[in-house]
Amino acid sequence: MVPLPTCRALLAAALGPAGRRRLPRHHGNHHLPPIPGAAAARPSSAAGGEAEGPSRATAMLRHLLLKLRATGPVTVAEYMREALTNPGQGYYTRRGGIGEGGDFITSPEISQVFGELIGIWYISEWIATGKPKAFQLVELGPGRGTLTDDILRVFNQLASLLSKCDISIHLVEVSPKLSEIQALMLTGGEVQSYTEDKPAYMKGVSKTGIPIFWYRDIQDVPPGYSFYLAHEFFDALPIHKFQRTEKGWREVLVDIDPEVPDQLRFVLSPSSTPATENFIQPEETRDHVEVCPEAGVIIERLACRLEKDGGAALVADYGHDGTKTDTFRGFRNHKLHDVLKDPGTADLTADVDFSYLRKMTQGRTATLGPIKQREFLKNMGIDLRLQVLLQNSSDTATHEQLLHSYDMLMNPKKMGDCFNFFALLPHHRLVHPDKKHKPESNSPLPPVAGFAELLLK
C-alpha cells in the first residue's frame, strides 16, 4: 500500500458524488445435480422464462441439432462456445444482456463506488512501483463499459497526480454489439474503425482525452507496462466437465435427447477423451471437475507479459480455490435458467477455479488471493466512502439506495462472499531486491492495496 497520507488523499480526491440508481444481479450458489450413470437429464432446479423469440431460439437450436446429428455429442466447452459466441446467433454476439433490462447485473452497475475503488487500486500500484511514465489499462470483456468509465473518472479526478503519465485504454471485446455500447458510454460514440491489417479494430478518445482501442484477442494488445482487469470475464469462458465413474474419468458431453428430438441432454463419453487425459490431475479427489483451458492460456499470457513488462492483473469473479464441483448454470431475466434450454438466449457461466489459475502462472508471477469481495472492498476503504456519501446526501431515497447497494456488494449472503478478488504481480513487487544481499534492509515494500488492510488514521 502507498503511504497512509497518500491513501487518504487518493480516497478523498478521487471519489466523487453518488452515482445513479442501479439494480442488483440475482446470484445464487446454484449447483447442478450430480450426473448419474451414462447420461443425465437436464437440471430440473434451474428456472427460466419463455424463449426470447421463436426464430432466435429455433435458429441456434436448429444449428446445434444439425451439428450434433453430423458429428455426434460435443463437449460442454464446444456447446458454450457456440451458444455464447457463435457469429450469427451467439448470446454475446447478438444480445449481451447486461443491465437492468438484460439478464444479469454486475457490481459496477450496482454502485459506482465499486469501479472507483478499482481505479484507486491501480493508482496505488502505480505509485508503489515508482510511478512509471506510461501505463496501459487493459480490460478483458468490458461489458457495457461501466467499470472502465468509473475508473476513468477516478483518473480524471486525480489528473494532477497522473499528469506526467501517458495513459491509454485497451479493451478486449469479441461482441460487436457490446463494443458499440462501450463506445457510446466511453467516447460518446465517436470512434474510428480499422481495417483488418491493424491489431485494433476500433479506436476512440474518452471524454477526458484518453485514447481507447478495441481488440478481439489479448495477443493483439501492444506490449508494455500494463494493468489488466478481468471482472466477470473468466466465468463465461468455455469449460470441460468430467465425472468420475467406476470405469475411470469420463467427460460430460451434450447430445440430442432421443426421447425428445428437439431437446438436448447431458451424456457421458463412453471412454476417456483427450481432454480427460490432459486436464484431470492424478491427485484429484473430487468426483466431478470443471476445467477451463482458455482461462489457463490467458492467465499464462498475462503472467508472461507481467514478468517481461511489469504491471499488475486484477481478477474479480465468483469462484473457488479448487474445492467446488458442479457449478455450470445459466441466467436469463435475472433468474437461473436451464443451461440446455433455448441456447443463445441466456448467459452461461461456471465458477472460476482460482487454484487452476494460480497453477497456470507456472511461477512466472506472484499471486494474491482469492479473498472475498467484502474483504477486498473493506480493505480498500468502502466503509469510509459510504460514510462520506451518506453525509453528503440529504434525501431519504439516496440514503436508502446507498445502503442497498452497499448491502448488495458486501453482504456475505449476496455478493460479499460470492465474488472473489485475485491478483497477479511481478515477484519483485512482493520481494525486495535488496533483501537477497541485505537481509537487514529497513525499506519495506508497501503492501498491496485490497489484499492488506487499509488503515486510515
Protein backbone atom coordinates (compact mmCIF):
# COMPACT_ATOMS: atom_id res chain seq x y z
CA MET A 1 0.00 0.00 0.00
CA VAL A 2 1.14 3.54 -0.63
CA PRO A 3 1.98 5.62 2.47
CA LEU A 4 -1.09 6.26 4.61
CA PRO A 5 -1.42 10.02 3.96
CA THR A 6 -1.32 9.32 0.23
CA CYS A 7 -4.05 6.67 0.54
CA ARG A 8 -6.25 9.07 2.42
CA ALA A 9 -5.56 11.75 -0.17
CA LEU A 10 -6.34 9.35 -3.01
CA LEU A 11 -9.68 8.40 -1.50
CA ALA A 12 -10.60 11.99 -0.71
CA ALA A 13 -9.56 13.39 -4.08
CA ALA A 14 -10.78 10.64 -6.37
CA LEU A 15 -14.20 9.69 -5.12
CA GLY A 16 -16.89 11.98 -6.44
CA PRO A 17 -20.63 12.23 -5.76
CA ALA A 18 -23.02 9.31 -5.51
CA GLY A 19 -23.92 7.58 -8.74
CA ARG A 20 -27.11 6.63 -10.49
CA ARG A 21 -29.50 4.02 -9.18
CA ARG A 22 -28.57 0.53 -10.30
CA LEU A 23 -30.34 -2.75 -9.71
CA PRO A 24 -28.74 -5.91 -8.33
CA ARG A 25 -27.92 -9.04 -10.23
CA HIS A 26 -29.51 -12.09 -8.67
CA HIS A 27 -26.76 -14.53 -7.79
CA GLY A 28 -27.03 -17.85 -6.06
CA ASN A 29 -24.76 -20.71 -5.18
CA HIS A 30 -26.69 -22.92 -7.54
CA HIS A 31 -25.23 -26.33 -8.36
CA LEU A 32 -26.48 -28.80 -10.90
CA PRO A 33 -27.36 -32.25 -9.59
CA PRO A 34 -24.69 -34.95 -10.00
CA ILE A 35 -24.66 -36.67 -13.36
CA PRO A 36 -25.51 -40.32 -12.74
CA GLY A 37 -24.60 -43.30 -14.88
CA ALA A 38 -24.08 -42.86 -18.58
CA ALA A 39 -26.48 -39.96 -19.10
CA ALA A 40 -28.02 -37.13 -17.18
CA ALA A 41 -31.24 -35.26 -17.52
CA ARG A 42 -31.13 -31.52 -17.74
CA PRO A 43 -31.09 -29.83 -14.30
CA SER A 44 -34.62 -29.65 -13.00
CA SER A 45 -33.92 -26.91 -10.48
CA ALA A 46 -32.89 -24.24 -13.00
CA ALA A 47 -35.70 -21.82 -13.58
CA GLY A 48 -36.24 -19.99 -16.82
CA GLY A 49 -38.77 -17.81 -18.55
CA GLU A 50 -40.16 -18.08 -22.02
CA ALA A 51 -37.86 -18.02 -25.03
CA GLU A 52 -36.80 -14.57 -26.17
CA GLY A 53 -38.30 -15.24 -29.59
CA PRO A 54 -39.13 -18.38 -31.56
CA SER A 55 -36.96 -17.50 -34.55
CA ARG A 56 -33.93 -16.68 -32.39
CA ALA A 57 -34.11 -19.75 -30.17
CA THR A 58 -35.01 -22.03 -33.03
CA ALA A 59 -32.14 -20.82 -35.23
CA MET A 60 -29.44 -21.59 -32.66
CA LEU A 61 -31.07 -24.84 -31.58
CA ARG A 62 -31.50 -25.93 -35.21
CA HIS A 63 -27.84 -25.16 -35.84
CA LEU A 64 -26.79 -27.28 -32.84
CA LEU A 65 -29.14 -30.15 -33.74
CA LEU A 66 -27.67 -30.29 -37.27
CA LYS A 67 -24.17 -30.22 -35.81
CA LEU A 68 -24.91 -33.00 -33.31
CA ARG A 69 -26.55 -35.21 -35.94
CA ALA A 70 -23.48 -34.79 -38.13
CA THR A 71 -20.74 -35.16 -35.52
CA GLY A 72 -22.31 -36.84 -32.51
CA PRO A 73 -22.10 -35.44 -28.97
CA VAL A 74 -19.95 -32.33 -28.35
CA THR A 75 -18.05 -31.23 -25.26
CA VAL A 76 -19.62 -28.75 -22.88
CA ALA A 77 -16.86 -26.33 -23.94
CA GLU A 78 -17.92 -26.56 -27.59
CA TYR A 79 -21.56 -26.12 -26.60
CA MET A 80 -20.75 -23.00 -24.56
CA ARG A 81 -18.63 -21.57 -27.36
CA GLU A 82 -21.46 -21.97 -29.87
CA ALA A 83 -24.18 -20.71 -27.53
CA LEU A 84 -22.24 -17.66 -26.37
CA THR A 85 -20.05 -16.53 -29.28
CA ASN A 86 -21.41 -18.06 -32.50
CA PRO A 87 -21.04 -15.20 -35.05
CA GLY A 88 -24.64 -15.47 -36.18
CA GLN A 89 -26.69 -16.37 -33.11
CA GLY A 90 -24.36 -16.34 -30.08
CA TYR A 91 -25.62 -14.78 -26.87
CA TYR A 92 -22.76 -12.28 -26.51
CA THR A 93 -22.53 -11.67 -30.24
CA ARG A 94 -26.16 -10.67 -30.61
CA ARG A 95 -27.53 -9.92 -27.17
CA GLY A 96 -25.05 -9.43 -24.32
CA GLY A 97 -27.78 -8.93 -21.72
CA ILE A 98 -26.02 -6.85 -19.06
CA GLY A 99 -28.05 -4.28 -17.19
CA GLU A 100 -31.46 -3.71 -15.65
CA GLY A 101 -33.26 -4.67 -18.85
CA GLY A 102 -30.99 -7.63 -19.59
CA ASP A 103 -30.28 -10.97 -17.95
CA PHE A 104 -27.86 -10.02 -15.18
CA ILE A 105 -26.39 -7.01 -13.38
CA THR A 106 -22.73 -6.74 -12.35
CA SER A 107 -21.15 -4.95 -9.40
CA PRO A 108 -20.19 -1.81 -11.40
CA GLU A 109 -23.86 -1.48 -12.42
CA ILE A 110 -24.94 -1.58 -8.77
CA SER A 111 -22.68 1.17 -7.45
CA GLN A 112 -20.08 3.48 -8.93
CA VAL A 113 -18.10 3.03 -5.69
CA PHE A 114 -17.02 -0.42 -6.90
CA GLY A 115 -15.31 0.97 -10.00
CA GLU A 116 -13.88 3.91 -8.10
CA LEU A 117 -12.12 1.61 -5.64
CA ILE A 118 -10.75 -0.48 -8.52
CA GLY A 119 -9.36 2.75 -10.01
CA ILE A 120 -7.74 3.56 -6.66
CA TRP A 121 -6.20 0.06 -6.64
CA TYR A 122 -4.42 0.64 -9.95
CA ILE A 123 -3.18 4.07 -8.94
CA SER A 124 -1.86 2.73 -5.64
CA GLU A 125 0.03 0.02 -7.54
CA TRP A 126 1.33 2.62 -9.99
CA ILE A 127 2.67 4.66 -7.04
CA ALA A 128 4.07 1.58 -5.29
CA THR A 129 6.09 0.64 -8.38
CA GLY A 130 7.70 4.07 -8.75
CA LYS A 131 5.19 5.96 -10.93
CA PRO A 132 6.20 4.66 -14.39
CA LYS A 133 5.95 7.26 -17.17
CA ALA A 134 3.25 5.30 -19.00
CA PHE A 135 0.76 2.53 -18.41
CA GLN A 136 -1.91 0.70 -20.35
CA LEU A 137 -5.20 -0.24 -18.68
CA VAL A 138 -6.36 -3.45 -20.39
CA GLU A 139 -9.84 -4.74 -19.60
CA LEU A 140 -10.90 -8.19 -20.74
CA GLY A 141 -14.62 -8.43 -21.54
CA PRO A 142 -15.59 -4.87 -20.53
CA GLY A 143 -19.37 -5.45 -20.57
CA ARG A 144 -21.16 -2.14 -21.13
CA GLY A 145 -18.01 -0.14 -20.32
CA THR A 146 -19.36 0.94 -16.92
CA LEU A 147 -16.33 -0.23 -14.94
CA THR A 148 -13.84 1.47 -17.27
CA ASP A 149 -15.98 4.63 -17.18
CA ASP A 150 -15.85 4.73 -13.36
CA ILE A 151 -12.08 4.11 -13.40
CA LEU A 152 -11.56 6.88 -15.96
CA ARG A 153 -13.48 9.28 -13.71
CA VAL A 154 -11.05 8.48 -10.88
CA PHE A 155 -8.10 9.02 -13.22
CA ASN A 156 -9.58 12.39 -14.22
CA GLN A 157 -10.15 13.46 -10.62
CA LEU A 158 -6.50 12.62 -9.91
CA ALA A 159 -5.30 14.28 -13.11
CA SER A 160 -2.70 16.36 -11.26
CA LEU A 161 -1.11 13.20 -9.85
CA LEU A 162 -1.20 11.44 -13.24
CA SER A 163 -0.34 14.50 -15.34
CA LYS A 164 3.11 13.23 -16.35
CA CYS A 165 1.91 9.68 -17.08
CA ASP A 166 0.91 8.59 -20.58
CA ILE A 167 -2.28 6.53 -20.10
CA SER A 168 -4.12 4.50 -22.73
CA ILE A 169 -7.14 2.17 -22.50
CA HIS A 170 -7.23 -1.18 -24.32
CA LEU A 171 -10.47 -3.18 -24.38
CA VAL A 172 -10.58 -6.84 -25.43
CA GLU A 173 -14.10 -7.44 -26.73
CA VAL A 174 -15.44 -10.02 -29.22
CA SER A 175 -19.04 -8.77 -29.27
CA PRO A 176 -19.83 -6.13 -31.93
CA LYS A 177 -22.98 -5.19 -30.02
CA LEU A 178 -21.18 -4.68 -26.72
CA SER A 179 -18.31 -2.75 -28.34
CA GLU A 180 -20.88 -0.29 -29.72
CA ILE A 181 -22.39 0.13 -26.24
CA GLN A 182 -18.90 0.62 -24.75
CA ALA A 183 -18.00 3.21 -27.39
CA LEU A 184 -21.19 5.15 -26.67
CA MET A 185 -20.54 5.11 -22.93
CA LEU A 186 -16.83 5.98 -23.09
CA THR A 187 -16.47 8.23 -26.13
CA GLY A 188 -19.98 9.41 -26.91
CA GLY A 189 -19.97 7.09 -29.91
CA GLU A 190 -17.24 8.90 -31.86
CA VAL A 191 -14.95 6.08 -32.94
CA GLN A 192 -12.85 5.14 -35.95
CA SER A 193 -12.96 1.62 -37.38
CA TYR A 194 -9.77 0.00 -38.63
CA THR A 195 -9.19 -2.41 -41.47
CA GLU A 196 -8.18 -5.98 -40.74
CA ASP A 197 -4.46 -5.29 -41.11
CA LYS A 198 -4.44 -3.36 -37.80
CA PRO A 199 -4.21 -5.11 -34.41
CA ALA A 200 -7.09 -2.96 -33.09
CA TYR A 201 -10.43 -2.97 -34.89
CA MET A 202 -11.64 0.33 -33.42
CA LYS A 203 -10.22 3.47 -31.82
CA GLY A 204 -11.72 6.39 -29.94
CA VAL A 205 -10.91 9.04 -27.36
CA SER A 206 -12.52 9.16 -23.94
CA LYS A 207 -14.47 12.19 -22.79
CA THR A 208 -11.37 13.14 -20.78
CA GLY A 209 -8.97 12.81 -23.71
CA ILE A 210 -7.50 9.34 -23.11
CA PRO A 211 -7.11 7.12 -26.23
CA ILE A 212 -9.14 3.90 -26.26
CA PHE A 213 -8.50 0.88 -28.50
CA TRP A 214 -10.60 -2.24 -29.10
CA TYR A 215 -9.19 -5.72 -29.83
CA ARG A 216 -10.61 -9.18 -30.37
CA ASP A 217 -7.73 -11.03 -28.65
CA ILE A 218 -5.37 -10.18 -25.82
CA GLN A 219 -2.44 -11.11 -28.06
CA ASP A 220 -3.26 -8.07 -30.21
CA VAL A 221 -2.74 -5.65 -27.30
CA PRO A 222 0.70 -3.97 -27.60
CA PRO A 223 3.37 -4.96 -25.06
CA GLY A 224 4.35 -2.54 -22.30
CA TYR A 225 3.80 -1.79 -18.62
CA SER A 226 0.13 -2.66 -18.17
CA PHE A 227 -2.63 -3.03 -15.63
CA TYR A 228 -5.00 -5.84 -16.55
CA LEU A 229 -8.58 -6.13 -15.37
CA ALA A 230 -10.89 -9.15 -15.70
CA HIS A 231 -14.21 -8.61 -13.96
CA GLU A 232 -16.71 -11.42 -14.55
CA PHE A 233 -14.69 -12.46 -17.59
CA PHE A 234 -13.27 -15.89 -16.82
CA ASP A 235 -16.62 -17.30 -15.65
CA ALA A 236 -18.03 -17.10 -19.20
CA LEU A 237 -15.15 -18.94 -20.91
CA PRO A 238 -15.95 -22.49 -22.10
CA ILE A 239 -15.40 -25.29 -19.60
CA HIS A 240 -14.86 -29.03 -19.92
CA LYS A 241 -16.77 -31.13 -17.39
CA PHE A 242 -15.65 -34.51 -16.08
CA GLN A 243 -17.32 -37.18 -13.97
CA ARG A 244 -15.59 -39.94 -12.01
CA THR A 245 -17.16 -43.36 -12.74
CA GLU A 246 -16.45 -46.99 -11.87
CA LYS A 247 -14.55 -47.22 -15.17
CA GLY A 248 -12.49 -44.08 -14.51
CA TRP A 249 -12.92 -40.47 -15.54
CA ARG A 250 -15.40 -39.71 -18.31
CA GLU A 251 -16.10 -36.38 -20.00
CA VAL A 252 -19.60 -34.87 -19.84
CA LEU A 253 -20.94 -34.22 -23.34
CA VAL A 254 -24.03 -32.57 -24.85
CA ASP A 255 -26.22 -34.65 -27.17
CA ILE A 256 -29.74 -34.82 -28.62
CA ASP A 257 -32.33 -36.34 -26.32
CA PRO A 258 -33.62 -39.42 -28.23
CA GLU A 259 -36.96 -39.26 -26.42
CA VAL A 260 -37.47 -35.56 -27.28
CA PRO A 261 -35.67 -34.98 -30.61
CA ASP A 262 -35.71 -31.16 -30.42
CA GLN A 263 -34.18 -31.05 -26.94
CA LEU A 264 -30.66 -31.52 -25.59
CA ARG A 265 -29.32 -33.63 -22.74
CA PHE A 266 -26.04 -34.43 -20.98
CA VAL A 267 -24.34 -37.78 -21.61
CA LEU A 268 -21.01 -39.26 -20.56
CA SER A 269 -18.31 -40.18 -23.04
CA PRO A 270 -18.13 -43.99 -23.50
CA SER A 271 -14.35 -43.88 -23.00
CA SER A 272 -11.62 -41.47 -21.97
CA THR A 273 -11.24 -38.36 -24.16
CA PRO A 274 -8.08 -36.32 -24.90
CA ALA A 275 -9.35 -33.66 -22.50
CA THR A 276 -9.72 -36.28 -19.76
CA GLU A 277 -6.11 -37.34 -20.24
CA ASN A 278 -4.80 -33.75 -20.27
CA PHE A 279 -6.85 -31.93 -17.65
CA ILE A 280 -7.51 -34.38 -14.81
CA GLN A 281 -4.70 -34.42 -12.28
CA PRO A 282 -3.67 -37.78 -10.74
CA GLU A 283 -4.14 -36.37 -7.24
CA GLU A 284 -7.72 -35.16 -7.90
CA THR A 285 -10.06 -36.15 -5.06
CA ARG A 286 -13.36 -34.69 -6.31
CA ASP A 287 -15.89 -36.80 -8.22
CA HIS A 288 -16.86 -34.01 -10.61
CA VAL A 289 -14.43 -31.47 -12.07
CA GLU A 290 -14.72 -28.43 -14.34
CA VAL A 291 -11.66 -27.18 -16.21
CA CYS A 292 -11.39 -24.05 -18.37
CA PRO A 293 -8.38 -24.41 -20.72
CA GLU A 294 -8.92 -20.96 -22.26
CA ALA A 295 -8.62 -19.37 -18.82
CA GLY A 296 -5.34 -21.21 -18.33
CA VAL A 297 -3.98 -19.96 -21.68
CA ILE A 298 -4.98 -16.35 -20.93
CA ILE A 299 -3.50 -16.41 -17.42
CA GLU A 300 -0.28 -17.84 -18.83
CA ARG A 301 -0.12 -14.98 -21.35
CA LEU A 302 -0.80 -12.41 -18.64
CA ALA A 303 1.91 -13.91 -16.45
CA CYS A 304 4.42 -13.79 -19.32
CA ARG A 305 3.56 -10.15 -20.03
CA LEU A 306 3.82 -9.11 -16.37
CA GLU A 307 7.12 -10.95 -15.99
CA LYS A 308 8.52 -9.15 -19.02
CA ASP A 309 6.92 -5.69 -18.93
CA GLY A 310 5.71 -5.18 -15.35
CA GLY A 311 2.32 -4.03 -14.08
CA ALA A 312 -0.42 -6.00 -12.34
CA ALA A 313 -3.53 -8.03 -13.09
CA LEU A 314 -6.70 -7.98 -11.03
CA VAL A 315 -9.32 -10.72 -11.45
CA ALA A 316 -12.76 -10.35 -9.84
CA ASP A 317 -15.18 -13.22 -10.29
CA TYR A 318 -17.22 -15.78 -8.48
CA GLY A 319 -15.26 -18.93 -7.94
CA HIS A 320 -13.44 -21.25 -5.57
CA ASP A 321 -9.95 -22.45 -4.76
CA GLY A 322 -10.16 -25.95 -6.24
CA THR A 323 -12.94 -27.19 -3.96
CA LYS A 324 -16.26 -26.98 -5.86
CA THR A 325 -17.58 -29.48 -8.36
CA ASP A 326 -20.66 -28.80 -10.49
CA THR A 327 -21.21 -25.04 -10.98
CA PHE A 328 -22.37 -24.74 -14.62
CA ARG A 329 -25.53 -22.60 -14.80
CA GLY A 330 -27.47 -20.14 -16.92
CA PHE A 331 -29.01 -16.72 -16.29
CA ARG A 332 -31.88 -15.06 -18.11
CA ASN A 333 -34.11 -12.20 -16.98
CA HIS A 334 -32.20 -12.15 -13.66
CA LYS A 335 -33.22 -15.75 -12.92
CA LEU A 336 -31.48 -19.10 -13.11
CA HIS A 337 -32.10 -20.70 -16.48
CA ASP A 338 -31.73 -24.28 -17.73
CA VAL A 339 -28.33 -24.36 -19.46
CA LEU A 340 -29.57 -26.66 -22.25
CA LYS A 341 -32.82 -24.82 -22.98
CA ASP A 342 -33.08 -22.19 -25.75
CA PRO A 343 -29.31 -21.94 -26.35
CA GLY A 344 -28.19 -18.48 -27.39
CA THR A 345 -30.81 -16.70 -25.28
CA ALA A 346 -29.16 -16.96 -21.84
CA ASP A 347 -25.84 -16.22 -20.20
CA LEU A 348 -23.91 -19.42 -19.44
CA THR A 349 -21.38 -19.38 -16.66
CA ALA A 350 -19.32 -21.51 -14.27
CA ASP A 351 -17.35 -20.68 -11.14
CA VAL A 352 -13.69 -19.84 -11.69
CA ASP A 353 -11.16 -22.29 -10.25
CA PHE A 354 -8.54 -19.95 -8.82
CA SER A 355 -6.23 -22.83 -7.89
CA TYR A 356 -6.07 -23.67 -11.61
CA LEU A 357 -5.29 -20.04 -12.49
CA ARG A 358 -2.53 -19.99 -9.88
CA LYS A 359 -1.07 -23.19 -11.30
CA MET A 360 -1.15 -21.81 -14.86
CA THR A 361 1.04 -18.83 -13.95
CA GLN A 362 3.76 -21.52 -13.76
CA GLY A 363 5.58 -19.46 -11.16
CA ARG A 364 6.22 -16.54 -13.52
CA THR A 365 4.37 -14.15 -11.20
CA ALA A 366 3.35 -13.92 -7.59
CA THR A 367 -0.35 -14.37 -6.85
CA LEU A 368 -2.54 -12.95 -4.10
CA GLY A 369 -5.94 -14.30 -3.08
CA PRO A 370 -8.54 -15.29 -3.75
CA ILE A 371 -10.13 -13.23 -1.00
CA LYS A 372 -13.83 -12.45 -0.62
CA GLN A 373 -15.17 -9.32 -2.28
CA ARG A 374 -16.31 -7.89 1.06
CA GLU A 375 -12.78 -8.23 2.47
CA PHE A 376 -11.19 -6.62 -0.57
CA LEU A 377 -13.61 -3.68 -0.65
CA LYS A 378 -13.37 -3.21 3.12
CA ASN A 379 -9.59 -3.11 2.83
CA MET A 380 -9.95 -0.56 0.04
CA GLY A 381 -11.93 1.79 2.29
CA ILE A 382 -15.53 1.27 1.15
CA ASP A 383 -16.85 1.95 4.67
CA LEU A 384 -15.19 5.37 4.74
CA ARG A 385 -16.53 6.08 1.26
CA LEU A 386 -20.07 5.14 2.33
CA GLN A 387 -19.88 7.47 5.35
CA VAL A 388 -18.82 10.38 3.15
CA LEU A 389 -21.63 9.75 0.64
CA LEU A 390 -24.25 9.44 3.37
CA GLN A 391 -23.07 12.70 4.95
CA ASN A 392 -23.22 14.48 1.59
CA SER A 393 -26.70 13.24 0.62
CA SER A 394 -29.78 14.92 2.01
CA ASP A 395 -32.74 12.96 0.64
CA THR A 396 -34.07 9.67 2.01
CA ALA A 397 -34.18 7.92 -1.37
CA THR A 398 -30.46 8.45 -1.95
CA HIS A 399 -29.69 7.23 1.59
CA GLU A 400 -31.70 4.07 1.00
CA GLN A 401 -30.07 3.43 -2.36
CA LEU A 402 -26.57 3.89 -0.94
CA LEU A 403 -27.28 1.44 1.87
CA HIS A 404 -28.95 -1.01 -0.52
CA SER A 405 -26.03 -1.03 -2.97
CA TYR A 406 -23.54 -1.34 -0.11
CA ASP A 407 -25.51 -4.32 1.22
CA MET A 408 -25.55 -5.97 -2.22
CA LEU A 409 -21.79 -5.64 -2.59
CA MET A 410 -20.83 -6.56 0.99
CA ASN A 411 -23.49 -8.90 2.43
CA PRO A 412 -22.00 -12.43 2.69
CA LYS A 413 -25.33 -13.88 1.52
CA LYS A 414 -25.38 -11.68 -1.59
CA MET A 415 -22.22 -10.64 -3.44
CA GLY A 416 -19.90 -10.28 -0.45
CA ASP A 417 -18.86 -13.93 -0.26
CA CYS A 418 -19.97 -14.95 -3.75
CA PHE A 419 -17.27 -12.95 -5.53
CA ASN A 420 -13.52 -13.15 -5.06
CA PHE A 421 -10.51 -11.00 -5.90
CA PHE A 422 -7.28 -12.49 -7.20
CA ALA A 423 -4.14 -10.66 -8.31
CA LEU A 424 -1.04 -11.40 -10.37
CA LEU A 425 2.05 -9.30 -9.66
CA PRO A 426 5.73 -9.48 -10.66
CA HIS A 427 7.76 -11.25 -7.97
CA HIS A 428 9.87 -8.15 -7.28
CA ARG A 429 6.69 -6.31 -6.24
CA LEU A 430 6.49 -8.55 -3.14
CA VAL A 431 10.15 -9.45 -2.58
CA HIS A 432 12.53 -6.53 -2.12
CA PRO A 433 15.58 -6.94 -4.42
CA ASP A 434 17.87 -5.70 -1.60
CA LYS A 435 16.73 -8.48 0.74
CA LYS A 436 18.86 -11.06 -1.05
CA HIS A 437 22.04 -9.14 -0.37
CA LYS A 438 20.94 -7.03 2.60
CA PRO A 439 18.52 -9.09 4.69
CA GLU A 440 18.55 -6.35 7.33
CA SER A 441 17.24 -3.75 4.86
CA ASN A 442 14.79 -1.39 6.60
CA SER A 443 12.93 -0.20 3.48
CA PRO A 444 9.81 -2.41 3.47
CA LEU A 445 7.78 -2.69 0.31
CA PRO A 446 4.30 -1.16 0.53
CA PRO A 447 1.65 -3.87 0.96
CA VAL A 448 -0.72 -4.46 -1.94
CA ALA A 449 -3.96 -2.50 -1.65
CA GLY A 450 -7.10 -4.56 -1.07
CA PHE A 451 -5.19 -7.66 -0.02
CA ALA A 452 -3.94 -5.96 3.15
CA GLU A 453 -5.98 -3.81 5.50
CA LEU A 454 -6.10 -0.15 4.63
CA LEU A 455 -5.56 1.74 7.89
CA LEU A 456 -6.70 5.35 7.79
CA LYS A 457 -5.69 7.09 10.98
